[in-house]
C-alpha atoms as a PDB file:
ATOM      1  CA  MET A   1      18.603 -55.341  20.625  1.00  0.00           C
ATOM      2  CA  LEU A   2      15.466 -53.618  21.889  1.00  0.00           C
ATOM      3  CA  ASN A   3      15.555 -51.568  25.071  1.00  0.00           C
ATOM      4  CA  SER A   4      12.872 -53.590  26.885  1.00  0.00           C
ATOM      5  CA  SER A   5      12.762 -52.438  30.531  1.00  0.00           C
ATOM      6  CA  VAL A   6       9.291 -51.436  31.748  1.00  0.00           C
ATOM      7  CA  LYS A   7       8.218 -49.890  35.060  1.00  0.00           C
ATOM      8  CA  ILE A   8       4.754 -50.619  36.480  1.00  0.00           C
ATOM      9  CA  PHE A   9       3.050 -48.335  39.005  1.00  0.00           C
ATOM     10  CA  ALA A  10      -0.025 -50.162  40.303  1.00  0.00           C
ATOM     11  CA  GLY A  11      -2.596 -49.651  43.015  1.00  0.00           C
ATOM     12  CA  PRO A  12      -6.061 -48.295  43.764  1.00  0.00           C
ATOM     13  CA  ASP A  13      -7.575 -45.167  42.276  1.00  0.00           C
ATOM     14  CA  SER A  14      -7.240 -43.615  45.724  1.00  0.00           C
ATOM     15  CA  LEU A  15      -5.482 -45.005  48.782  1.00  0.00           C
ATOM     16  CA  ASP A  16      -7.042 -45.456  52.223  1.00  0.00           C
ATOM     17  CA  ASP A  17      -6.763 -47.729  55.245  1.00  0.00           C
ATOM     18  CA  PHE A  18      -9.229 -50.206  53.708  1.00  0.00           C
ATOM     19  CA  ASN A  19      -7.217 -51.024  50.586  1.00  0.00           C
ATOM     20  CA  ILE A  20      -3.602 -50.616  51.741  1.00  0.00           C
ATOM     21  CA  ASP A  21      -3.396 -54.392  52.299  1.00  0.00           C
ATOM     22  CA  GLU A  22      -4.002 -54.895  48.579  1.00  0.00           C
ATOM     23  CA  VAL A  23      -0.991 -52.724  47.792  1.00  0.00           C
ATOM     24  CA  TYR A  24       1.155 -54.918  50.020  1.00  0.00           C
ATOM     25  CA  ARG A  25      -0.132 -57.910  48.026  1.00  0.00           C
ATOM     26  CA  ILE A  26       0.858 -56.110  44.820  1.00  0.00           C
ATOM     27  CA  ALA A  27       4.369 -55.607  46.205  1.00  0.00           C
ATOM     28  CA  GLU A  28       4.792 -59.380  46.546  1.00  0.00           C
ATOM     29  CA  LEU A  29       4.178 -60.142  42.868  1.00  0.00           C
ATOM     30  CA  LYS A  30       7.199 -61.763  41.264  1.00  0.00           C
ATOM     31  CA  VAL A  31       8.321 -63.255  37.967  1.00  0.00           C
ATOM     32  CA  ASN A  32      11.066 -65.869  38.149  1.00  0.00           C
ATOM     33  CA  ASP A  33      11.593 -64.966  41.817  1.00  0.00           C
ATOM     34  CA  HIS A  34      12.229 -61.290  40.983  1.00  0.00           C
ATOM     35  CA  PRO A  35       9.885 -58.434  42.007  1.00  0.00           C
ATOM     36  CA  SER A  36       7.773 -57.330  39.040  1.00  0.00           C
ATOM     37  CA  ILE A  37       6.163 -54.071  40.263  1.00  0.00           C
ATOM     38  CA  TYR A  38       8.160 -50.835  40.439  1.00  0.00           C
ATOM     39  CA  GLY A  39       5.826 -48.419  42.233  1.00  0.00           C
ATOM     40  CA  ALA A  40       2.443 -47.918  43.863  1.00  0.00           C
ATOM     41  CA  ARG A  41      -0.402 -45.485  43.345  1.00  0.00           C
ATOM     42  CA  THR A  42      -0.852 -43.600  46.652  1.00  0.00           C
ATOM     43  CA  VAL A  43      -3.344 -40.902  45.619  1.00  0.00           C
ATOM     44  CA  GLY A  44      -4.967 -39.023  48.506  1.00  0.00           C
ATOM     45  CA  LEU A  45      -6.904 -36.193  46.846  1.00  0.00           C
ATOM     46  CA  LYS A  46      -9.150 -36.647  43.825  1.00  0.00           C
ATOM     47  CA  SER A  47      -9.856 -34.359  40.891  1.00  0.00           C
ATOM     48  CA  ARG A  48     -13.633 -34.184  40.668  1.00  0.00           C
ATOM     49  CA  THR A  49     -16.007 -32.194  38.468  1.00  0.00           C
ATOM     50  CA  ASN A  50     -18.366 -31.556  41.365  1.00  0.00           C
ATOM     51  CA  LEU A  51     -17.673 -30.931  45.055  1.00  0.00           C
ATOM     52  CA  ASP A  52     -20.535 -31.542  47.487  1.00  0.00           C
ATOM     53  CA  HIS A  53     -19.465 -29.875  50.719  1.00  0.00           C
ATOM     54  CA  GLN A  54     -22.427 -31.351  52.614  1.00  0.00           C
ATOM     55  CA  ASN A  55     -22.026 -34.973  51.548  1.00  0.00           C
ATOM     56  CA  THR A  56     -18.452 -35.763  50.580  1.00  0.00           C
ATOM     57  CA  ASP A  57     -19.095 -39.522  50.869  1.00  0.00           C
ATOM     58  CA  SER A  58     -21.320 -39.342  47.782  1.00  0.00           C
ATOM     59  CA  VAL A  59     -18.598 -37.584  45.769  1.00  0.00           C
ATOM     60  CA  PHE A  60     -15.497 -39.189  47.238  1.00  0.00           C
ATOM     61  CA  MET A  61     -12.678 -36.661  47.262  1.00  0.00           C
ATOM     62  CA  GLY A  62      -9.940 -38.848  48.715  1.00  0.00           C
ATOM     63  CA  TYR A  63      -8.598 -39.917  52.088  1.00  0.00           C
ATOM     64  CA  ASP A  64      -6.728 -36.617  52.533  1.00  0.00           C
ATOM     65  CA  PHE A  65      -9.752 -34.387  51.913  1.00  0.00           C
ATOM     66  CA  VAL A  66     -10.454 -33.384  55.526  1.00  0.00           C
ATOM     67  CA  ALA A  67      -6.785 -32.645  56.208  1.00  0.00           C
ATOM     68  CA  ILE A  68      -6.532 -30.603  53.005  1.00  0.00           C
ATOM     69  CA  MET A  69      -9.531 -28.469  54.017  1.00  0.00           C
ATOM     70  CA  ASN A  70      -7.896 -27.850  57.411  1.00  0.00           C
ATOM     71  CA  TYR A  71      -4.713 -26.756  55.648  1.00  0.00           C
ATOM     72  CA  PHE A  72      -6.718 -24.166  53.722  1.00  0.00           C
ATOM     73  CA  ASN A  73      -7.599 -22.699  57.116  1.00  0.00           C
ATOM     74  CA  ILE A  74      -3.943 -22.782  58.241  1.00  0.00           C
ATOM     75  CA  PHE A  75      -2.837 -20.750  55.222  1.00  0.00           C
ATOM     76  CA  GLY A  76      -5.825 -18.454  55.540  1.00  0.00           C
ATOM     77  CA  LEU A  77      -4.800 -17.572  59.098  1.00  0.00           C
ATOM     78  CA  GLY A  78      -1.232 -16.753  58.109  1.00  0.00           C
ATOM     79  CA  GLY A  79       0.369 -20.159  58.572  1.00  0.00           C
ATOM     80  CA  ASN A  80       3.058 -21.632  56.360  1.00  0.00           C
ATOM     81  CA  ALA A  81       4.414 -24.980  55.209  1.00  0.00           C
ATOM     82  CA  ASP A  82       6.187 -25.529  58.536  1.00  0.00           C
ATOM     83  CA  ASP A  83       2.763 -25.762  60.187  1.00  0.00           C
ATOM     84  CA  LEU A  84       1.695 -28.717  58.016  1.00  0.00           C
ATOM     85  CA  ILE A  85       1.827 -32.288  59.220  1.00  0.00           C
ATOM     86  CA  PRO A  86       2.062 -35.237  56.792  1.00  0.00           C
ATOM     87  CA  LEU A  87      -1.144 -36.061  54.988  1.00  0.00           C
ATOM     88  CA  PRO A  88      -2.672 -39.460  55.894  1.00  0.00           C
ATOM     89  CA  THR A  89      -1.776 -41.072  52.573  1.00  0.00           C
ATOM     90  CA  VAL A  90       1.761 -39.663  52.706  1.00  0.00           C
ATOM     91  CA  GLU A  91       2.289 -41.349  56.071  1.00  0.00           C
ATOM     92  CA  MET A  92       0.938 -44.586  54.595  1.00  0.00           C
ATOM     93  CA  ALA A  93       3.145 -44.193  51.517  1.00  0.00           C
ATOM     94  CA  GLU A  94       6.236 -43.647  53.660  1.00  0.00           C
ATOM     95  CA  LYS A  95       5.637 -46.878  55.582  1.00  0.00           C
ATOM     96  CA  LEU A  96       4.824 -48.743  52.367  1.00  0.00           C
ATOM     97  CA  TYR A  97       8.042 -47.554  50.753  1.00  0.00           C
ATOM     98  CA  HIS A  98      10.242 -48.565  53.667  1.00  0.00           C
ATOM     99  CA  ASP A  99       8.412 -51.903  54.056  1.00  0.00           C
ATOM    100  CA  THR A 100       8.376 -52.929  50.390  1.00  0.00           C
ATOM    101  CA  GLY A 101      10.528 -50.628  48.250  1.00  0.00           C
ATOM    102  CA  LEU A 102       7.581 -49.681  46.020  1.00  0.00           C
ATOM    103  CA  ILE A 103       8.070 -46.071  44.898  1.00  0.00           C
ATOM    104  CA  PRO A 104       4.944 -44.048  45.812  1.00  0.00           C
ATOM    105  CA  SER A 105       3.118 -41.909  43.272  1.00  0.00           C
ATOM    106  CA  SER A 106       0.297 -39.406  43.464  1.00  0.00           C
ATOM    107  CA  GLU A 107      -1.808 -37.035  41.421  1.00  0.00           C
ATOM    108  CA  ILE A 108      -1.305 -33.436  42.557  1.00  0.00           C
ATOM    109  CA  MET A 109      -4.061 -30.832  42.629  1.00  0.00           C
ATOM    110  CA  LEU A 110      -2.674 -28.357  45.169  1.00  0.00           C
ATOM    111  CA  PRO A 111       1.099 -28.253  44.645  1.00  0.00           C
ATOM    112  CA  ALA A 112       1.980 -25.841  47.459  1.00  0.00           C
ATOM    113  CA  ILE A 113       0.153 -27.902  50.083  1.00  0.00           C
ATOM    114  CA  GLN A 114       0.572 -31.466  48.827  1.00  0.00           C
ATOM    115  CA  LEU A 115       4.210 -31.187  47.782  1.00  0.00           C
ATOM    116  CA  ALA A 116       5.181 -29.491  51.037  1.00  0.00           C
ATOM    117  CA  CYS A 117       3.658 -32.444  52.897  1.00  0.00           C
ATOM    118  CA  ILE A 118       5.339 -35.047  50.699  1.00  0.00           C
ATOM    119  CA  LYS A 119       8.642 -33.237  51.188  1.00  0.00           C
ATOM    120  CA  LYS A 120       8.498 -33.867  54.940  1.00  0.00           C
ATOM    121  CA  SER A 121       8.557 -37.626  54.404  1.00  0.00           C
ATOM    122  CA  PHE A 122      10.361 -38.005  51.076  1.00  0.00           C
ATOM    123  CA  SER A 123      13.045 -35.336  51.053  1.00  0.00           C
ATOM    124  CA  ASN A 124      15.666 -37.993  50.281  1.00  0.00           C
ATOM    125  CA  ASP A 125      13.527 -40.745  48.758  1.00  0.00           C
ATOM    126  CA  PRO A 126      11.988 -41.192  45.290  1.00  0.00           C
ATOM    127  CA  PHE A 127       8.413 -40.211  44.448  1.00  0.00           C
ATOM    128  CA  LEU A 128       6.347 -39.749  41.271  1.00  0.00           C
ATOM    129  CA  VAL A 129       4.007 -36.747  41.179  1.00  0.00           C
ATOM    130  CA  TRP A 130       1.723 -35.988  38.241  1.00  0.00           C
ATOM    131  CA  ASN A 131      -0.837 -33.413  37.141  1.00  0.00           C
ATOM    132  CA  SER A 132      -4.501 -34.206  36.645  1.00  0.00           C
ATOM    133  CA  ALA A 133      -5.716 -34.652  33.060  1.00  0.00           C
ATOM    134  CA  VAL A 134      -8.080 -31.717  33.692  1.00  0.00           C
ATOM    135  CA  ASP A 135      -5.189 -29.506  34.822  1.00  0.00           C
ATOM    136  CA  GLN A 136      -2.889 -28.545  31.957  1.00  0.00           C
ATOM    137  CA  LEU A 137      -1.551 -25.411  33.642  1.00  0.00           C
ATOM    138  CA  GLY A 138       2.190 -25.069  33.169  1.00  0.00           C
ATOM    139  CA  TRP A 139       2.832 -23.123  36.361  1.00  0.00           C
ATOM    140  CA  HIS A 140       1.516 -25.988  38.491  1.00  0.00           C
ATOM    141  CA  VAL A 141       3.924 -28.281  36.644  1.00  0.00           C
ATOM    142  CA  ARG A 142       6.761 -25.797  37.174  1.00  0.00           C
ATOM    143  CA  GLN A 143       6.115 -25.872  40.906  1.00  0.00           C
ATOM    144  CA  MET A 144       6.136 -29.689  40.860  1.00  0.00           C
ATOM    145  CA  ALA A 145       9.390 -29.646  38.882  1.00  0.00           C
ATOM    146  CA  GLY A 146      11.024 -27.320  41.420  1.00  0.00           C
ATOM    147  CA  PHE A 147      10.294 -29.767  44.243  1.00  0.00           C
ATOM    148  CA  ALA A 148      11.378 -32.662  42.011  1.00  0.00           C
ATOM    149  CA  GLU A 149      14.713 -31.017  41.276  1.00  0.00           C
ATOM    150  CA  GLU A 150      15.373 -30.492  44.977  1.00  0.00           C
ATOM    151  CA  HIS A 151      14.389 -34.002  46.094  1.00  0.00           C
ATOM    152  CA  GLY A 152      15.097 -36.208  43.067  1.00  0.00           C
ATOM    153  CA  TRP A 153      11.463 -36.990  42.274  1.00  0.00           C
ATOM    154  CA  MET A 154       9.870 -37.886  38.931  1.00  0.00           C
ATOM    155  CA  VAL A 155       7.275 -35.552  37.355  1.00  0.00           C
ATOM    156  CA  GLY A 156       4.445 -37.137  35.384  1.00  0.00           C
ATOM    157  CA  LEU A 157       2.584 -35.187  32.697  1.00  0.00           C
ATOM    158  CA  LYS A 158      -0.886 -36.470  31.881  1.00  0.00           C
ATOM    159  CA  ASN A 159      -2.269 -35.430  28.507  1.00  0.00           C
ATOM    160  CA  GLY A 160      -5.401 -33.308  28.353  1.00  0.00           C
ATOM    161  CA  LYS A 161      -8.892 -34.553  27.542  1.00  0.00           C
ATOM    162  CA  TRP A 162      -9.203 -33.007  24.081  1.00  0.00           C
ATOM    163  CA  LEU A 163      -7.161 -33.907  21.021  1.00  0.00           C
ATOM    164  CA  GLY A 164      -7.786 -30.735  19.006  1.00  0.00           C
ATOM    165  CA  GLU A 165      -7.842 -32.407  15.573  1.00  0.00           C
ATOM    166  CA  GLU A 166      -9.807 -35.187  13.904  1.00  0.00           C
ATOM    167  CA  TYR A 167      -8.841 -38.495  15.480  1.00  0.00           C
ATOM    168  CA  GLU A 168      -8.351 -40.214  12.119  1.00  0.00           C
ATOM    169  CA  VAL A 169      -5.937 -37.480  11.033  1.00  0.00           C
ATOM    170  CA  SER A 170      -3.909 -37.223  14.239  1.00  0.00           C
ATOM    171  CA  GLU A 171      -3.659 -40.992  14.753  1.00  0.00           C
ATOM    172  CA  SER A 172      -2.611 -41.741  11.183  1.00  0.00           C
ATOM    173  CA  GLU A 173       0.970 -43.019  10.938  1.00  0.00           C
ATOM    174  CA  ASP A 174       1.327 -40.808   7.849  1.00  0.00           C
ATOM    175  CA  PHE A 175       0.415 -37.590   9.695  1.00  0.00           C
ATOM    176  CA  ASP A 176       3.544 -35.430   9.845  1.00  0.00           C
ATOM    177  CA  GLY A 177       1.995 -32.441  11.598  1.00  0.00           C
ATOM    178  CA  LYS A 178       1.522 -31.567  15.249  1.00  0.00           C
ATOM    179  CA  SER A 179      -1.897 -31.784  16.874  1.00  0.00           C
ATOM    180  CA  SER A 180      -3.056 -29.262  19.450  1.00  0.00           C
ATOM    181  CA  ILE A 181      -2.659 -31.724  22.304  1.00  0.00           C
ATOM    182  CA  GLU A 182       0.983 -32.202  21.331  1.00  0.00           C
ATOM    183  CA  THR A 183       1.571 -28.448  21.420  1.00  0.00           C
ATOM    184  CA  VAL A 184       0.235 -28.380  24.996  1.00  0.00           C
ATOM    185  CA  GLY A 185       2.314 -31.438  25.874  1.00  0.00           C
ATOM    186  CA  ASP A 186       5.483 -29.839  24.557  1.00  0.00           C
ATOM    187  CA  GLY A 187       4.767 -26.784  26.656  1.00  0.00           C
ATOM    188  CA  LEU A 188       4.320 -28.866  29.808  1.00  0.00           C
ATOM    189  CA  VAL A 189       7.619 -30.636  29.133  1.00  0.00           C
ATOM    190  CA  ASN A 190       9.304 -27.221  28.996  1.00  0.00           C
ATOM    191  CA  TYR A 191       7.735 -26.236  32.321  1.00  0.00           C
ATOM    192  CA  ALA A 192       8.962 -29.547  33.807  1.00  0.00           C
ATOM    193  CA  THR A 193      12.549 -29.167  32.584  1.00  0.00           C
ATOM    194  CA  LEU A 194      13.987 -28.879  36.110  1.00  0.00           C
ATOM    195  CA  ALA A 195      12.804 -32.384  37.007  1.00  0.00           C
ATOM    196  CA  PRO A 196      15.468 -35.115  36.891  1.00  0.00           C
ATOM    197  CA  GLU A 197      12.989 -37.419  35.148  1.00  0.00           C
ATOM    198  CA  ILE A 198       9.864 -36.553  33.142  1.00  0.00           C
ATOM    199  CA  VAL A 199       7.145 -39.111  32.429  1.00  0.00           C
ATOM    200  CA  LEU A 200       4.561 -38.475  29.724  1.00  0.00           C
ATOM    201  CA  ILE A 201       1.387 -40.356  30.737  1.00  0.00           C
ATOM    202  CA  GLN A 202      -0.955 -41.259  27.865  1.00  0.00           C
ATOM    203  CA  GLY A 203      -4.510 -41.917  29.036  1.00  0.00           C
ATOM    204  CA  GLY A 204      -6.476 -41.182  25.881  1.00  0.00           C
ATOM    205  CA  CYS A 205      -8.893 -38.392  24.963  1.00  0.00           C
ATOM    206  CA  ASP A 206     -12.622 -37.862  25.407  1.00  0.00           C
ATOM    207  CA  LEU A 207     -13.703 -37.848  21.756  1.00  0.00           C
ATOM    208  CA  PRO A 208     -17.002 -38.439  19.909  1.00  0.00           C
ATOM    209  CA  ALA A 209     -15.432 -41.471  18.201  1.00  0.00           C
ATOM    210  CA  LYS A 210     -14.446 -43.160  21.471  1.00  0.00           C
ATOM    211  CA  GLY A 211     -17.176 -45.804  21.418  1.00  0.00           C
ATOM    212  CA  GLU A 212     -16.872 -47.993  24.528  1.00  0.00           C
ATOM    213  CA  TYR A 213     -13.531 -46.488  25.568  1.00  0.00           C
ATOM    214  CA  ARG A 214     -13.600 -44.084  28.503  1.00  0.00           C
ATOM    215  CA  ASN A 215     -10.952 -42.106  26.618  1.00  0.00           C
ATOM    216  CA  LEU A 216      -9.748 -43.071  23.149  1.00  0.00           C
ATOM    217  CA  PRO A 217      -6.011 -43.952  23.101  1.00  0.00           C
ATOM    218  CA  ILE A 218      -3.746 -41.559  21.195  1.00  0.00           C
ATOM    219  CA  HIS A 219      -0.706 -43.769  20.665  1.00  0.00           C
ATOM    220  CA  GLN A 220       0.528 -41.902  17.571  1.00  0.00           C
ATOM    221  CA  ALA A 221       0.306 -38.459  19.167  1.00  0.00           C
ATOM    222  CA  ALA A 222       2.150 -39.819  22.188  1.00  0.00           C
ATOM    223  CA  LYS A 223       4.778 -41.351  19.917  1.00  0.00           C
ATOM    224  CA  ARG A 224       5.403 -38.066  18.070  1.00  0.00           C
ATOM    225  CA  THR A 225       5.664 -36.192  21.371  1.00  0.00           C
ATOM    226  CA  LYS A 226       8.176 -38.653  22.784  1.00  0.00           C
ATOM    227  CA  LEU A 227      10.275 -38.555  19.615  1.00  0.00           C
ATOM    228  CA  ARG A 228      10.524 -34.757  19.825  1.00  0.00           C
ATOM    229  CA  HIS A 229      12.023 -34.993  23.321  1.00  0.00           C
ATOM    230  CA  LEU A 230      14.325 -37.995  22.981  1.00  0.00           C
ATOM    231  CA  ASP A 231      17.389 -35.748  22.887  1.00  0.00           C
ATOM    232  CA  LYS A 232      16.683 -34.566  26.444  1.00  0.00           C
ATOM    233  CA  GLY A 233      17.583 -38.034  27.700  1.00  0.00           C
ATOM    234  CA  ASN A 234      15.210 -37.945  30.688  1.00  0.00           C
ATOM    235  CA  VAL A 235      11.749 -38.198  29.080  1.00  0.00           C
ATOM    236  CA  GLN A 236       9.810 -41.464  29.270  1.00  0.00           C
ATOM    237  CA  LEU A 237       6.318 -42.494  28.150  1.00  0.00           C
ATOM    238  CA  TYR A 238       3.806 -44.469  30.241  1.00  0.00           C
ATOM    239  CA  PHE A 239       0.420 -45.881  29.270  1.00  0.00           C
ATOM    240  CA  ASP A 240      -2.608 -45.414  31.558  1.00  0.00           C
ATOM    241  CA  PRO A 241      -4.989 -48.223  30.500  1.00  0.00           C
ATOM    242  CA  SER A 242      -7.461 -47.646  33.340  1.00  0.00           C
ATOM    243  CA  HIS A 243      -8.515 -44.174  32.216  1.00  0.00           C
ATOM    244  CA  SER A 244      -8.333 -45.171  28.572  1.00  0.00           C
ATOM    245  CA  LEU A 245     -10.403 -48.365  28.585  1.00  0.00           C
ATOM    246  CA  GLY A 246     -12.523 -47.527  31.617  1.00  0.00           C
ATOM    247  CA  PRO A 247     -15.407 -49.560  33.044  1.00  0.00           C
ATOM    248  CA  LYS A 248     -17.059 -50.634  29.784  1.00  0.00           C
ATOM    249  CA  MET A 249     -13.852 -52.258  28.526  1.00  0.00           C
ATOM    250  CA  ARG A 250     -12.467 -53.360  31.872  1.00  0.00           C
ATOM    251  CA  ASP A 251     -12.324 -56.985  30.716  1.00  0.00           C
ATOM    252  CA  GLN A 252      -9.943 -55.950  27.918  1.00  0.00           C
ATOM    253  CA  ILE A 253      -7.476 -53.960  30.033  1.00  0.00           C
ATOM    254  CA  VAL A 254      -4.936 -56.778  30.316  1.00  0.00           C
ATOM    255  CA  ASP A 255      -5.025 -57.609  26.581  1.00  0.00           C
ATOM    256  CA  LYS A 256      -4.888 -53.982  25.430  1.00  0.00           C
ATOM    257  CA  THR A 257      -2.040 -53.196  27.829  1.00  0.00           C
ATOM    258  CA  VAL A 258      -0.015 -56.102  26.462  1.00  0.00           C
ATOM    259  CA  GLU A 259      -0.659 -54.819  22.923  1.00  0.00           C
ATOM    260  CA  ALA A 260       0.478 -51.311  23.899  1.00  0.00           C
ATOM    261  CA  MET A 261       3.667 -52.651  25.472  1.00  0.00           C
ATOM    262  CA  GLN A 262       4.495 -54.361  22.161  1.00  0.00           C
ATOM    263  CA  MET A 263       4.356 -51.108  20.168  1.00  0.00           C
ATOM    264  CA  LYS A 264       7.652 -49.734  18.845  1.00  0.00           C
ATOM    265  CA  LEU A 265       9.068 -46.219  18.869  1.00  0.00           C
ATOM    266  CA  THR A 266      11.953 -47.200  16.605  1.00  0.00           C
ATOM    267  CA  ASP A 267      13.476 -50.494  15.524  1.00  0.00           C
ATOM    268  CA  GLU A 268      15.667 -50.291  18.612  1.00  0.00           C
ATOM    269  CA  GLN A 269      13.175 -49.063  21.203  1.00  0.00           C
ATOM    270  CA  PHE A 270       9.717 -49.870  22.508  1.00  0.00           C
ATOM    271  CA  LEU A 271       7.188 -47.033  22.574  1.00  0.00           C
ATOM    272  CA  TYR A 272       6.146 -47.309  26.216  1.00  0.00           C
ATOM    273  CA  ASP A 273       8.560 -47.313  29.140  1.00  0.00           C
ATOM    274  CA  GLY A 274       5.981 -47.910  31.844  1.00  0.00           C
ATOM    275  CA  ILE A 275       2.396 -48.401  32.972  1.00  0.00           C
ATOM    276  CA  LEU A 276       0.255 -46.489  35.481  1.00  0.00           C
ATOM    277  CA  ILE A 277      -2.665 -48.811  36.260  1.00  0.00           C
ATOM    278  CA  GLU A 278      -5.499 -49.017  38.795  1.00  0.00           C
ATOM    279  CA  VAL A 279      -5.600 -52.309  40.680  1.00  0.00           C
ATOM    280  CA  GLY A 280      -7.690 -53.654  43.544  1.00  0.00           C
ATOM    281  CA  THR A 281     -10.630 -51.841  45.100  1.00  0.00           C
ATOM    282  CA  ALA A 282     -11.353 -48.233  46.011  1.00  0.00           C
ATOM    283  CA  LYS A 283     -14.177 -45.990  47.172  1.00  0.00           C
ATOM    284  CA  CYS A 284     -14.498 -44.656  43.642  1.00  0.00           C
ATOM    285  CA  ASP A 285     -13.908 -46.003  40.129  1.00  0.00           C
ATOM    286  CA  THR A 286     -13.396 -49.618  41.245  1.00  0.00           C
ATOM    287  CA  HIS A 287     -15.338 -50.623  38.128  1.00  0.00           C
ATOM    288  CA  GLN A 288     -12.278 -49.738  36.021  1.00  0.00           C
ATOM    289  CA  HIS A 289      -9.736 -51.479  38.276  1.00  0.00           C
ATOM    290  CA  ILE A 290      -8.281 -54.851  37.459  1.00  0.00           C
ATOM    291  CA  SER A 291      -7.831 -57.344  40.290  1.00  0.00           C
ATOM    292  CA  VAL A 292      -4.498 -58.263  41.855  1.00  0.00           C
ATOM    293  CA  ASP A 293      -4.835 -61.673  40.186  1.00  0.00           C
ATOM    294  CA  GLU A 294      -5.307 -59.981  36.806  1.00  0.00           C
ATOM    295  CA  LEU A 295      -2.247 -57.845  37.469  1.00  0.00           C
ATOM    296  CA  GLU A 296      -0.303 -61.033  38.119  1.00  0.00           C
ATOM    297  CA  GLU A 297      -1.490 -62.365  34.750  1.00  0.00           C
ATOM    298  CA  LEU A 298      -0.431 -59.092  33.112  1.00  0.00           C
ATOM    299  CA  VAL A 299       3.099 -59.176  34.495  1.00  0.00           C
ATOM    300  CA  ASP A 300       3.490 -62.837  33.540  1.00  0.00           C
ATOM    301  CA  ARG A 301       2.526 -62.043  29.942  1.00  0.00           C
ATOM    302  CA  LEU A 302       4.705 -58.934  29.791  1.00  0.00           C
ATOM    303  CA  SER A 303       7.709 -60.841  31.097  1.00  0.00           C
ATOM    304  CA  GLU A 304       7.650 -62.955  27.936  1.00  0.00           C
ATOM    305  CA  PHE A 305       8.953 -60.021  25.871  1.00  0.00           C
ATOM    306  CA  ARG A 306       9.805 -57.171  28.283  1.00  0.00           C
ATOM    307  CA  THR A 307      12.122 -56.860  31.271  1.00  0.00           C
ATOM    308  CA  LEU A 308      10.195 -55.802  34.382  1.00  0.00           C
ATOM    309  CA  ALA A 309      11.939 -53.199  36.526  1.00  0.00           C
ATOM    310  CA  GLY A 310      10.754 -54.428  39.907  1.00  0.00           C
ATOM    311  CA  ARG A 311      10.879 -52.717  43.267  1.00  0.00           C
ATOM    312  CA  ARG A 312      14.072 -52.355  45.264  1.00  0.00           C
ATOM    313  CA  GLU A 313      14.775 -55.354  47.474  1.00  0.00           C
ATOM    314  CA  ASN A 314      16.264 -55.310  50.965  1.00  0.00           C
ATOM    315  CA  VAL A 315      15.042 -51.759  51.506  1.00  0.00           C
ATOM    316  CA  ASN A 316      15.586 -51.963  55.252  1.00  0.00           C
ATOM    317  CA  ALA A 317      19.132 -53.305  54.948  1.00  0.00           C
END
């Protein structure tokens, strides 16, 4: 019998006080009277190619941006982690977690600052932290893993933007080699070893052959990587359809996600253990979000062949 449980982390590209109500709506989604969503995206600081210090509204950097810049000044004047107060989105995530049971999750750009802030609110509660696709530096992951070991968090590892080999070669089911992106992924897994749970997050690659995709999916490379780490017992694989399909294929996100969740790792196991998906509205990248109604359609379709690991109930009991 196939191991069919799947965890869904859903929410906006970046959290703020204008879209938090949508996350509460997401928390209420159910299938057969059981919660269907496991966690929420609660990102507060964005990875951006360009930073416009004079007009941050035009290049939205996240709800925590102002606080983060103040924390730079704290450290610059000799302060330490004890001088930090919770970031705005961490405070929102803490309330969300205790209200709904949805496990918060966030991209991490500045481990020392962001993780120290998360620690203040989630020292005994679960959290998923992941690296940016443009940050494949092992030492940042090692720092995340150290916090994760101490507090029982999950560490997500997003693949890089570049595959390293020809797409047709790497994505062939007959390819028995190891592409460059897999070598980097294996290294990040080693840096993350301290974490109780490691989540490989496949969001595709920026390749000439991508066509309308924002990033072309690399299901076979992800499959080979997962197979190499099965013996560790704590490595899972999630699909990120938002950054793979992007705005030009937004209307296919639900269908393509269902297809990905049907893929097999072995005869006894599905390939993907979870989904990290952008839902609702946000100050940036809303054009690649699905709506809450579309998320409800997605979970209904997934429930026909997968078991949905929903949020914890009675969290305040």
